[in-house]
N, C-alpha and C. Protein backbone atom coordinates (compact mmCIF):
# COMPACT_ATOMS: atom_id res chain seq x y z
N MET A 1 -174.49 18.23 -32.44
CA MET A 1 -173.21 18.02 -33.09
C MET A 1 -172.96 16.51 -33.17
N THR A 2 -172.58 16.05 -34.33
CA THR A 2 -172.35 14.63 -34.55
C THR A 2 -171.03 14.42 -35.25
N ALA A 3 -170.32 13.40 -34.83
CA ALA A 3 -169.07 13.02 -35.48
C ALA A 3 -169.36 11.99 -36.56
N LEU A 4 -168.81 12.23 -37.73
CA LEU A 4 -168.77 11.22 -38.78
C LEU A 4 -167.37 10.63 -38.68
N ARG A 5 -167.28 9.47 -38.07
CA ARG A 5 -165.99 8.82 -37.81
C ARG A 5 -165.61 7.98 -39.02
N CYS A 6 -164.74 8.55 -39.85
CA CYS A 6 -164.39 7.96 -41.14
C CYS A 6 -163.12 7.13 -41.04
N THR A 7 -163.10 6.03 -41.79
CA THR A 7 -161.88 5.23 -41.89
C THR A 7 -160.83 6.05 -42.63
N GLN A 8 -159.58 5.65 -42.50
CA GLN A 8 -158.50 6.38 -43.16
C GLN A 8 -158.67 6.39 -44.66
N LYS A 9 -159.12 5.27 -45.25
CA LYS A 9 -159.29 5.27 -46.71
C LYS A 9 -160.38 6.23 -47.16
N LEU A 10 -161.42 6.42 -46.35
CA LEU A 10 -162.45 7.40 -46.70
C LEU A 10 -161.93 8.82 -46.51
N LEU A 11 -161.21 9.07 -45.42
CA LEU A 11 -160.62 10.40 -45.21
C LEU A 11 -159.70 10.77 -46.37
N THR A 12 -158.90 9.81 -46.82
CA THR A 12 -157.99 10.05 -47.94
C THR A 12 -158.76 10.36 -49.21
N ALA A 13 -159.80 9.59 -49.49
CA ALA A 13 -160.61 9.83 -50.69
C ALA A 13 -161.30 11.19 -50.63
N MET A 14 -161.73 11.58 -49.43
CA MET A 14 -162.39 12.87 -49.26
C MET A 14 -161.41 14.03 -49.23
N LYS A 15 -160.11 13.71 -49.10
CA LYS A 15 -159.05 14.72 -48.94
C LYS A 15 -159.37 15.59 -47.72
N ALA A 16 -159.75 14.91 -46.64
CA ALA A 16 -160.15 15.59 -45.41
C ALA A 16 -159.18 15.25 -44.28
N ALA A 17 -158.84 16.25 -43.51
CA ALA A 17 -158.05 16.03 -42.30
C ALA A 17 -159.02 15.85 -41.15
N PRO A 18 -158.80 14.81 -40.33
CA PRO A 18 -159.75 14.59 -39.22
C PRO A 18 -159.68 15.71 -38.19
N ALA A 19 -160.84 16.17 -37.77
CA ALA A 19 -160.94 17.17 -36.71
C ALA A 19 -161.00 16.46 -35.37
N GLU A 20 -160.90 17.21 -34.31
CA GLU A 20 -161.07 16.65 -32.97
C GLU A 20 -162.52 16.21 -32.82
N PRO A 21 -162.74 15.02 -32.23
CA PRO A 21 -164.14 14.58 -32.04
C PRO A 21 -164.90 15.56 -31.16
N PRO A 22 -166.14 15.84 -31.50
CA PRO A 22 -166.94 16.77 -30.70
C PRO A 22 -167.47 16.11 -29.43
N SER A 23 -167.96 16.92 -28.54
CA SER A 23 -168.67 16.40 -27.37
C SER A 23 -169.94 15.75 -27.87
N PRO A 24 -170.49 14.81 -27.09
CA PRO A 24 -171.75 14.19 -27.53
C PRO A 24 -172.81 15.24 -27.81
N GLY A 25 -173.52 15.06 -28.90
CA GLY A 25 -174.52 16.02 -29.33
C GLY A 25 -175.90 15.69 -28.82
N ALA A 26 -176.87 16.39 -29.36
CA ALA A 26 -178.26 16.23 -28.93
C ALA A 26 -178.99 15.13 -29.71
N ASN A 27 -178.37 14.62 -30.77
CA ASN A 27 -179.06 13.57 -31.52
C ASN A 27 -179.05 12.28 -30.72
N ARG A 28 -180.05 11.45 -30.95
CA ARG A 28 -180.23 10.25 -30.12
C ARG A 28 -179.51 9.02 -30.66
N LEU A 29 -179.19 8.99 -31.94
CA LEU A 29 -178.53 7.81 -32.50
C LEU A 29 -177.02 7.83 -32.32
N GLY A 30 -176.48 8.95 -31.84
CA GLY A 30 -175.05 9.03 -31.56
C GLY A 30 -174.24 9.33 -32.81
N ASP A 31 -172.93 9.14 -32.67
CA ASP A 31 -172.03 9.34 -33.79
C ASP A 31 -172.21 8.22 -34.80
N TRP A 32 -171.65 8.41 -35.99
CA TRP A 32 -171.73 7.43 -37.06
C TRP A 32 -170.33 7.09 -37.52
N SER A 33 -170.08 5.83 -37.82
CA SER A 33 -168.82 5.38 -38.40
C SER A 33 -169.06 5.09 -39.87
N LEU A 34 -168.12 5.53 -40.72
CA LEU A 34 -168.26 5.40 -42.16
C LEU A 34 -167.02 4.73 -42.75
N ASN A 35 -167.25 3.89 -43.76
CA ASN A 35 -166.16 3.21 -44.44
C ASN A 35 -166.41 3.27 -45.94
N LEU A 36 -165.33 3.40 -46.71
CA LEU A 36 -165.39 3.44 -48.16
C LEU A 36 -165.30 2.03 -48.72
N LEU A 37 -166.22 1.70 -49.62
CA LEU A 37 -166.19 0.41 -50.29
C LEU A 37 -165.73 0.63 -51.73
N HIS A 38 -164.78 -0.17 -52.17
CA HIS A 38 -164.23 -0.02 -53.52
C HIS A 38 -165.04 -0.84 -54.53
N THR A 39 -166.31 -0.50 -54.63
CA THR A 39 -167.21 -1.09 -55.61
C THR A 39 -167.29 -0.13 -56.79
N ARG A 40 -168.08 -0.49 -57.79
CA ARG A 40 -168.30 0.43 -58.90
C ARG A 40 -169.77 0.74 -58.99
N PRO A 41 -170.24 1.94 -58.76
CA PRO A 41 -169.46 3.07 -58.24
C PRO A 41 -169.08 2.83 -56.78
N LYS A 42 -168.14 3.64 -56.30
CA LYS A 42 -167.73 3.51 -54.91
C LYS A 42 -168.89 3.86 -54.00
N LEU A 43 -169.01 3.10 -52.90
CA LEU A 43 -170.08 3.30 -51.94
C LEU A 43 -169.49 3.60 -50.58
N VAL A 44 -170.30 4.19 -49.73
CA VAL A 44 -169.95 4.42 -48.33
C VAL A 44 -170.97 3.67 -47.50
N VAL A 45 -170.48 2.85 -46.57
CA VAL A 45 -171.36 2.18 -45.62
C VAL A 45 -171.20 2.90 -44.29
N ALA A 46 -172.31 3.12 -43.61
CA ALA A 46 -172.30 3.85 -42.34
C ALA A 46 -173.10 3.07 -41.30
N ILE A 47 -172.72 3.28 -40.03
CA ILE A 47 -173.40 2.59 -38.94
C ILE A 47 -173.48 3.53 -37.74
N SER A 48 -174.66 3.57 -37.11
CA SER A 48 -174.84 4.45 -35.95
C SER A 48 -174.22 3.81 -34.71
N GLU A 49 -173.66 4.65 -33.88
CA GLU A 49 -172.94 4.19 -32.70
C GLU A 49 -173.85 3.48 -31.70
N HIS A 50 -174.98 4.04 -31.39
CA HIS A 50 -175.81 3.50 -30.32
C HIS A 50 -176.66 2.29 -30.74
N ASP A 51 -177.16 2.30 -31.97
CA ASP A 51 -178.16 1.30 -32.35
C ASP A 51 -177.75 0.40 -33.51
N ARG A 52 -176.58 0.64 -34.07
CA ARG A 52 -176.05 -0.16 -35.18
C ARG A 52 -176.94 -0.11 -36.42
N LEU A 53 -177.70 0.98 -36.54
CA LEU A 53 -178.49 1.18 -37.75
C LEU A 53 -177.53 1.48 -38.89
N GLY A 54 -177.63 0.72 -39.97
CA GLY A 54 -176.72 0.89 -41.09
C GLY A 54 -177.40 1.49 -42.29
N LEU A 55 -176.58 2.08 -43.14
CA LEU A 55 -177.07 2.57 -44.42
C LEU A 55 -175.91 2.69 -45.39
N VAL A 56 -176.25 2.74 -46.66
CA VAL A 56 -175.27 2.82 -47.74
C VAL A 56 -175.67 3.96 -48.67
N LEU A 57 -174.68 4.68 -49.17
CA LEU A 57 -174.92 5.71 -50.16
C LEU A 57 -173.72 5.78 -51.10
N GLU A 58 -173.91 6.40 -52.26
CA GLU A 58 -172.79 6.56 -53.18
C GLU A 58 -171.78 7.52 -52.59
N ALA A 59 -170.51 7.22 -52.82
CA ALA A 59 -169.43 8.02 -52.23
C ALA A 59 -169.25 9.36 -52.93
N ALA A 60 -169.31 9.36 -54.25
CA ALA A 60 -169.03 10.58 -55.00
C ALA A 60 -170.32 11.37 -55.22
N PRO A 61 -170.21 12.67 -55.29
CA PRO A 61 -169.02 13.49 -55.10
C PRO A 61 -168.70 13.66 -53.60
N TYR A 62 -167.44 13.56 -53.29
CA TYR A 62 -167.01 13.58 -51.89
C TYR A 62 -167.32 14.91 -51.19
N ALA A 63 -167.29 15.99 -51.94
CA ALA A 63 -167.53 17.31 -51.33
C ALA A 63 -168.93 17.41 -50.73
N THR A 64 -169.88 16.68 -51.28
CA THR A 64 -171.25 16.76 -50.78
C THR A 64 -171.62 15.57 -49.91
N LEU A 65 -170.66 14.71 -49.60
CA LEU A 65 -170.96 13.50 -48.83
C LEU A 65 -171.63 13.79 -47.49
N PRO A 66 -171.14 14.76 -46.69
CA PRO A 66 -171.81 14.99 -45.39
C PRO A 66 -173.30 15.34 -45.52
N GLN A 67 -173.65 16.22 -46.45
CA GLN A 67 -175.06 16.59 -46.59
C GLN A 67 -175.88 15.44 -47.17
N ARG A 68 -175.32 14.72 -48.12
CA ARG A 68 -176.03 13.57 -48.68
C ARG A 68 -176.19 12.47 -47.63
N PHE A 69 -175.22 12.39 -46.72
CA PHE A 69 -175.33 11.42 -45.62
C PHE A 69 -176.54 11.75 -44.74
N VAL A 70 -176.69 13.01 -44.37
CA VAL A 70 -177.84 13.41 -43.54
C VAL A 70 -179.14 13.11 -44.27
N ASP A 71 -179.18 13.37 -45.57
CA ASP A 71 -180.37 13.06 -46.36
C ASP A 71 -180.64 11.55 -46.35
N ALA A 72 -179.57 10.75 -46.45
CA ALA A 72 -179.73 9.29 -46.43
C ALA A 72 -180.22 8.81 -45.07
N VAL A 73 -179.75 9.44 -44.00
CA VAL A 73 -180.24 9.09 -42.66
C VAL A 73 -181.74 9.37 -42.58
N PHE A 74 -182.15 10.52 -43.08
CA PHE A 74 -183.58 10.88 -43.06
C PHE A 74 -184.40 9.82 -43.80
N VAL A 75 -183.97 9.44 -44.99
CA VAL A 75 -184.70 8.44 -45.79
C VAL A 75 -184.72 7.10 -45.06
N GLN A 76 -183.60 6.71 -44.45
CA GLN A 76 -183.55 5.43 -43.74
C GLN A 76 -184.48 5.45 -42.53
N LEU A 77 -184.52 6.56 -41.81
CA LEU A 77 -185.42 6.66 -40.66
C LEU A 77 -186.88 6.55 -41.08
N LEU A 78 -187.23 7.21 -42.18
CA LEU A 78 -188.60 7.07 -42.70
C LEU A 78 -188.89 5.63 -43.09
N ALA A 79 -187.91 4.97 -43.71
CA ALA A 79 -188.10 3.60 -44.19
C ALA A 79 -188.34 2.62 -43.04
N ILE A 80 -187.77 2.88 -41.87
CA ILE A 80 -187.97 1.96 -40.74
C ILE A 80 -189.19 2.32 -39.90
N GLY A 81 -189.90 3.37 -40.30
CA GLY A 81 -191.14 3.70 -39.61
C GLY A 81 -191.08 4.86 -38.65
N VAL A 82 -190.00 5.64 -38.66
CA VAL A 82 -189.93 6.82 -37.81
C VAL A 82 -190.83 7.89 -38.43
N PRO A 83 -191.69 8.52 -37.64
CA PRO A 83 -192.54 9.59 -38.17
C PRO A 83 -191.67 10.72 -38.76
N PRO A 84 -192.13 11.35 -39.85
CA PRO A 84 -191.32 12.38 -40.52
C PRO A 84 -190.82 13.49 -39.61
N ASP A 85 -191.66 13.98 -38.70
CA ASP A 85 -191.22 15.08 -37.83
C ASP A 85 -190.11 14.62 -36.88
N GLU A 86 -190.19 13.38 -36.40
CA GLU A 86 -189.14 12.85 -35.51
C GLU A 86 -187.85 12.60 -36.29
N ALA A 87 -187.98 12.10 -37.52
CA ALA A 87 -186.81 11.88 -38.37
C ALA A 87 -186.11 13.21 -38.65
N GLN A 88 -186.90 14.25 -38.93
CA GLN A 88 -186.31 15.57 -39.18
C GLN A 88 -185.64 16.13 -37.94
N ARG A 89 -186.24 15.92 -36.76
CA ARG A 89 -185.61 16.39 -35.51
C ARG A 89 -184.26 15.72 -35.31
N GLU A 90 -184.20 14.40 -35.57
CA GLU A 90 -182.93 13.69 -35.42
C GLU A 90 -181.88 14.24 -36.38
N CYS A 91 -182.26 14.47 -37.62
CA CYS A 91 -181.31 14.99 -38.61
C CYS A 91 -180.87 16.42 -38.27
N ASP A 92 -181.79 17.22 -37.79
CA ASP A 92 -181.43 18.58 -37.37
C ASP A 92 -180.48 18.55 -36.17
N ALA A 93 -180.72 17.62 -35.24
CA ALA A 93 -179.87 17.52 -34.04
C ALA A 93 -178.47 17.01 -34.38
N MET A 94 -178.31 16.40 -35.54
CA MET A 94 -176.99 15.92 -35.95
C MET A 94 -176.07 17.07 -36.34
N GLN A 95 -176.63 18.22 -36.68
CA GLN A 95 -175.86 19.36 -37.17
C GLN A 95 -175.20 20.13 -36.03
N PRO A 96 -174.03 20.67 -36.22
CA PRO A 96 -173.15 20.49 -37.36
C PRO A 96 -172.42 19.15 -37.30
N LEU A 97 -172.05 18.65 -38.47
CA LEU A 97 -171.29 17.41 -38.57
C LEU A 97 -169.80 17.71 -38.45
N THR A 98 -169.09 16.82 -37.80
CA THR A 98 -167.64 16.94 -37.68
C THR A 98 -167.01 15.70 -38.30
N ILE A 99 -166.14 15.91 -39.28
CA ILE A 99 -165.43 14.81 -39.92
C ILE A 99 -164.21 14.49 -39.06
N THR A 100 -164.15 13.25 -38.56
CA THR A 100 -163.05 12.83 -37.70
C THR A 100 -162.67 11.40 -38.06
N SER A 101 -161.70 10.86 -37.36
CA SER A 101 -161.25 9.49 -37.66
C SER A 101 -162.00 8.48 -36.79
N THR A 102 -161.89 7.22 -37.16
CA THR A 102 -162.63 6.17 -36.46
C THR A 102 -162.08 5.86 -35.08
N THR A 103 -160.89 6.28 -34.77
CA THR A 103 -160.32 5.97 -33.45
C THR A 103 -159.88 7.24 -32.77
N PRO A 104 -159.88 7.31 -31.49
CA PRO A 104 -160.48 6.39 -30.54
C PRO A 104 -161.94 6.74 -30.28
N TYR A 105 -162.72 5.76 -29.97
CA TYR A 105 -164.12 5.99 -29.60
C TYR A 105 -164.62 4.79 -28.80
N PRO A 106 -165.66 4.99 -28.00
CA PRO A 106 -166.21 3.89 -27.20
C PRO A 106 -166.78 2.77 -28.08
N ASN A 107 -166.81 1.57 -27.56
CA ASN A 107 -167.36 0.41 -28.24
C ASN A 107 -166.68 0.14 -29.58
N ARG A 108 -165.39 0.50 -29.68
CA ARG A 108 -164.67 0.43 -30.95
C ARG A 108 -164.69 -0.95 -31.58
N LEU A 109 -164.36 -1.98 -30.82
CA LEU A 109 -164.25 -3.31 -31.41
C LEU A 109 -165.59 -3.84 -31.89
N SER A 110 -166.62 -3.68 -31.09
CA SER A 110 -167.96 -4.12 -31.48
C SER A 110 -168.45 -3.36 -32.70
N LEU A 111 -168.26 -2.06 -32.68
CA LEU A 111 -168.71 -1.22 -33.78
C LEU A 111 -167.95 -1.54 -35.06
N GLN A 112 -166.63 -1.72 -34.95
CA GLN A 112 -165.84 -2.06 -36.14
C GLN A 112 -166.25 -3.42 -36.70
N ALA A 113 -166.56 -4.36 -35.84
CA ALA A 113 -167.01 -5.67 -36.31
C ALA A 113 -168.33 -5.55 -37.07
N ASN A 114 -169.27 -4.76 -36.53
CA ASN A 114 -170.54 -4.55 -37.22
C ASN A 114 -170.33 -3.81 -38.54
N LEU A 115 -169.44 -2.83 -38.55
CA LEU A 115 -169.16 -2.09 -39.78
C LEU A 115 -168.58 -3.01 -40.85
N LYS A 116 -167.69 -3.91 -40.45
CA LYS A 116 -167.13 -4.88 -41.41
C LYS A 116 -168.21 -5.83 -41.92
N ASP A 117 -169.08 -6.28 -41.02
CA ASP A 117 -170.18 -7.15 -41.45
C ASP A 117 -171.08 -6.44 -42.46
N TYR A 118 -171.41 -5.18 -42.19
CA TYR A 118 -172.27 -4.43 -43.09
C TYR A 118 -171.58 -4.19 -44.43
N ALA A 119 -170.27 -3.94 -44.39
CA ALA A 119 -169.52 -3.75 -45.64
C ALA A 119 -169.55 -5.04 -46.46
N TRP A 120 -169.33 -6.17 -45.81
CA TRP A 120 -169.35 -7.45 -46.51
C TRP A 120 -170.72 -7.71 -47.11
N LEU A 121 -171.77 -7.51 -46.33
CA LEU A 121 -173.13 -7.74 -46.80
C LEU A 121 -173.46 -6.81 -47.97
N THR A 122 -173.07 -5.56 -47.86
CA THR A 122 -173.31 -4.58 -48.93
C THR A 122 -172.60 -4.99 -50.21
N GLU A 123 -171.31 -5.35 -50.09
CA GLU A 123 -170.57 -5.74 -51.28
C GLU A 123 -171.18 -6.98 -51.93
N LEU A 124 -171.63 -7.91 -51.13
CA LEU A 124 -172.26 -9.12 -51.65
C LEU A 124 -173.55 -8.78 -52.39
N MET A 125 -174.40 -7.97 -51.77
CA MET A 125 -175.67 -7.62 -52.40
C MET A 125 -175.46 -6.73 -53.63
N TRP A 126 -174.50 -5.82 -53.56
CA TRP A 126 -174.23 -4.91 -54.68
C TRP A 126 -173.69 -5.68 -55.88
N SER A 127 -172.88 -6.71 -55.61
CA SER A 127 -172.30 -7.49 -56.70
C SER A 127 -173.37 -8.26 -57.47
N GLU A 128 -174.51 -8.51 -56.86
CA GLU A 128 -175.61 -9.17 -57.55
C GLU A 128 -176.24 -8.27 -58.61
N ARG A 129 -176.03 -6.97 -58.50
CA ARG A 129 -176.49 -5.96 -59.45
C ARG A 129 -178.00 -5.82 -59.59
N ASP A 130 -178.74 -6.66 -58.93
CA ASP A 130 -180.19 -6.48 -59.02
C ASP A 130 -180.74 -5.90 -57.73
N LYS A 131 -179.85 -5.48 -56.83
CA LYS A 131 -180.27 -4.88 -55.56
C LYS A 131 -180.00 -3.37 -55.61
N SER A 132 -181.02 -2.60 -55.29
CA SER A 132 -180.86 -1.15 -55.24
C SER A 132 -180.29 -0.76 -53.88
N LEU A 133 -179.85 0.48 -53.76
CA LEU A 133 -179.37 0.96 -52.46
C LEU A 133 -180.49 0.91 -51.43
N ALA A 134 -181.71 1.19 -51.83
CA ALA A 134 -182.84 1.13 -50.90
C ALA A 134 -183.04 -0.30 -50.38
N GLU A 135 -182.90 -1.29 -51.26
CA GLU A 135 -183.04 -2.68 -50.83
C GLU A 135 -181.91 -3.09 -49.89
N ILE A 136 -180.71 -2.62 -50.19
CA ILE A 136 -179.57 -2.93 -49.32
C ILE A 136 -179.77 -2.27 -47.96
N ASN A 137 -180.22 -1.02 -47.96
CA ASN A 137 -180.46 -0.32 -46.69
C ASN A 137 -181.54 -1.02 -45.87
N ALA A 138 -182.57 -1.51 -46.53
CA ALA A 138 -183.62 -2.25 -45.80
C ALA A 138 -183.04 -3.51 -45.18
N ARG A 139 -182.17 -4.19 -45.89
CA ARG A 139 -181.55 -5.42 -45.37
C ARG A 139 -180.63 -5.10 -44.19
N LEU A 140 -179.87 -4.01 -44.27
CA LEU A 140 -178.99 -3.65 -43.16
C LEU A 140 -179.80 -3.32 -41.91
N ALA A 141 -180.95 -2.68 -42.06
CA ALA A 141 -181.80 -2.35 -40.92
C ALA A 141 -182.41 -3.58 -40.30
N ASP A 142 -182.47 -4.66 -41.07
CA ASP A 142 -183.11 -5.89 -40.62
C ASP A 142 -182.08 -7.00 -40.35
N ASN A 143 -180.86 -6.60 -40.02
CA ASN A 143 -179.77 -7.54 -39.74
C ASN A 143 -179.61 -7.65 -38.22
N LEU A 144 -179.82 -8.83 -37.67
CA LEU A 144 -179.73 -9.00 -36.22
C LEU A 144 -178.37 -8.58 -35.68
N VAL A 145 -178.38 -7.80 -34.61
CA VAL A 145 -177.15 -7.40 -33.93
C VAL A 145 -177.35 -7.56 -32.42
N SER A 146 -176.24 -7.63 -31.72
CA SER A 146 -176.27 -7.69 -30.27
C SER A 146 -175.61 -6.44 -29.72
N ILE A 147 -176.34 -5.74 -28.87
CA ILE A 147 -175.80 -4.55 -28.20
C ILE A 147 -176.01 -4.76 -26.71
N ASN A 148 -174.90 -4.74 -25.99
CA ASN A 148 -174.94 -4.96 -24.53
C ASN A 148 -175.69 -6.23 -24.17
N GLY A 149 -175.47 -7.29 -24.94
CA GLY A 149 -176.07 -8.58 -24.65
C GLY A 149 -177.51 -8.73 -25.09
N LYS A 150 -178.08 -7.71 -25.69
CA LYS A 150 -179.47 -7.78 -26.16
C LYS A 150 -179.47 -7.94 -27.68
N LEU A 151 -180.11 -9.01 -28.14
CA LEU A 151 -180.17 -9.32 -29.57
C LEU A 151 -181.46 -8.75 -30.15
N GLU A 152 -181.31 -7.89 -31.16
CA GLU A 152 -182.47 -7.27 -31.77
C GLU A 152 -182.08 -6.76 -33.15
N PHE A 153 -183.07 -6.31 -33.90
CA PHE A 153 -182.82 -5.71 -35.20
C PHE A 153 -182.46 -4.24 -34.99
N PRO A 154 -181.53 -3.68 -35.80
CA PRO A 154 -181.19 -2.26 -35.65
C PRO A 154 -182.39 -1.33 -35.77
N TRP A 155 -183.35 -1.66 -36.65
CA TRP A 155 -184.51 -0.78 -36.77
C TRP A 155 -185.30 -0.75 -35.46
N GLN A 156 -185.33 -1.87 -34.73
CA GLN A 156 -186.04 -1.89 -33.45
C GLN A 156 -185.30 -1.07 -32.40
N PHE A 157 -183.97 -1.22 -32.36
CA PHE A 157 -183.17 -0.42 -31.42
C PHE A 157 -183.40 1.07 -31.70
N ALA A 158 -183.32 1.46 -32.98
CA ALA A 158 -183.46 2.87 -33.34
C ALA A 158 -184.86 3.39 -33.04
N LEU A 159 -185.87 2.62 -33.39
CA LEU A 159 -187.24 3.06 -33.09
C LEU A 159 -187.47 3.21 -31.59
N ASN A 160 -186.96 2.27 -30.81
CA ASN A 160 -187.11 2.37 -29.37
C ASN A 160 -186.47 3.64 -28.83
N ARG A 161 -185.31 3.97 -29.35
CA ARG A 161 -184.62 5.18 -28.89
C ARG A 161 -185.34 6.44 -29.36
N LEU A 162 -185.78 6.47 -30.60
CA LEU A 162 -186.38 7.68 -31.16
C LEU A 162 -187.84 7.86 -30.76
N ASN A 163 -188.52 6.77 -30.45
CA ASN A 163 -189.94 6.86 -30.12
C ASN A 163 -190.22 6.54 -28.66
N GLN A 164 -189.20 6.66 -27.81
CA GLN A 164 -189.33 6.43 -26.38
C GLN A 164 -190.03 5.12 -26.07
N GLY A 165 -189.54 4.04 -26.69
CA GLY A 165 -190.04 2.72 -26.38
C GLY A 165 -191.23 2.27 -27.20
N GLU A 166 -191.84 3.16 -27.96
CA GLU A 166 -192.98 2.79 -28.78
C GLU A 166 -192.47 2.06 -30.02
N LYS A 167 -192.99 0.89 -30.31
CA LYS A 167 -192.52 0.11 -31.45
C LYS A 167 -193.45 0.27 -32.63
N PHE A 168 -192.83 0.44 -33.80
CA PHE A 168 -193.56 0.52 -35.05
C PHE A 168 -192.97 -0.52 -35.99
N ALA A 169 -193.79 -1.10 -36.81
CA ALA A 169 -193.30 -2.05 -37.81
C ALA A 169 -192.66 -1.25 -38.94
N PRO A 170 -191.58 -1.78 -39.54
CA PRO A 170 -190.97 -1.05 -40.66
C PRO A 170 -191.90 -1.03 -41.86
N ASN A 171 -191.76 0.03 -42.65
CA ASN A 171 -192.59 0.15 -43.86
C ASN A 171 -192.13 -0.82 -44.91
């Protein structure tokens, strides 16, 4: 079970009422925080709680956003070098998804700061119009972050967690 912790503007756009946050699930990347970007077309930027792995996907249609989000996580995991069977296990362990609000949750300030940084970077790259979502997602995975005083790339944090310390170079 995984919480998709959505900002108020995303909840409003989705016409969704936030549910109670679930207990921690079996997935290893933790809950995800999502924010709506008012670009054309509108985009959603997401970041994993534990590893700050980011990704971007189109917001519409809102009714299918949760399933498209899981598909985007799968593609992002493959892109950073997670073996397909492990990526599928992580996506399966995320189910069922619970739509909830961004507050309250652990590491709120750090996570919100990273989410804002990713939103800014996404909007900047998207405004150039020559960057695809795949290119933006690759850049977000390769953006240095600090978690608990350790500075590393999100793809390295995620690979370490998903591959029990085994490091793979991103594709």
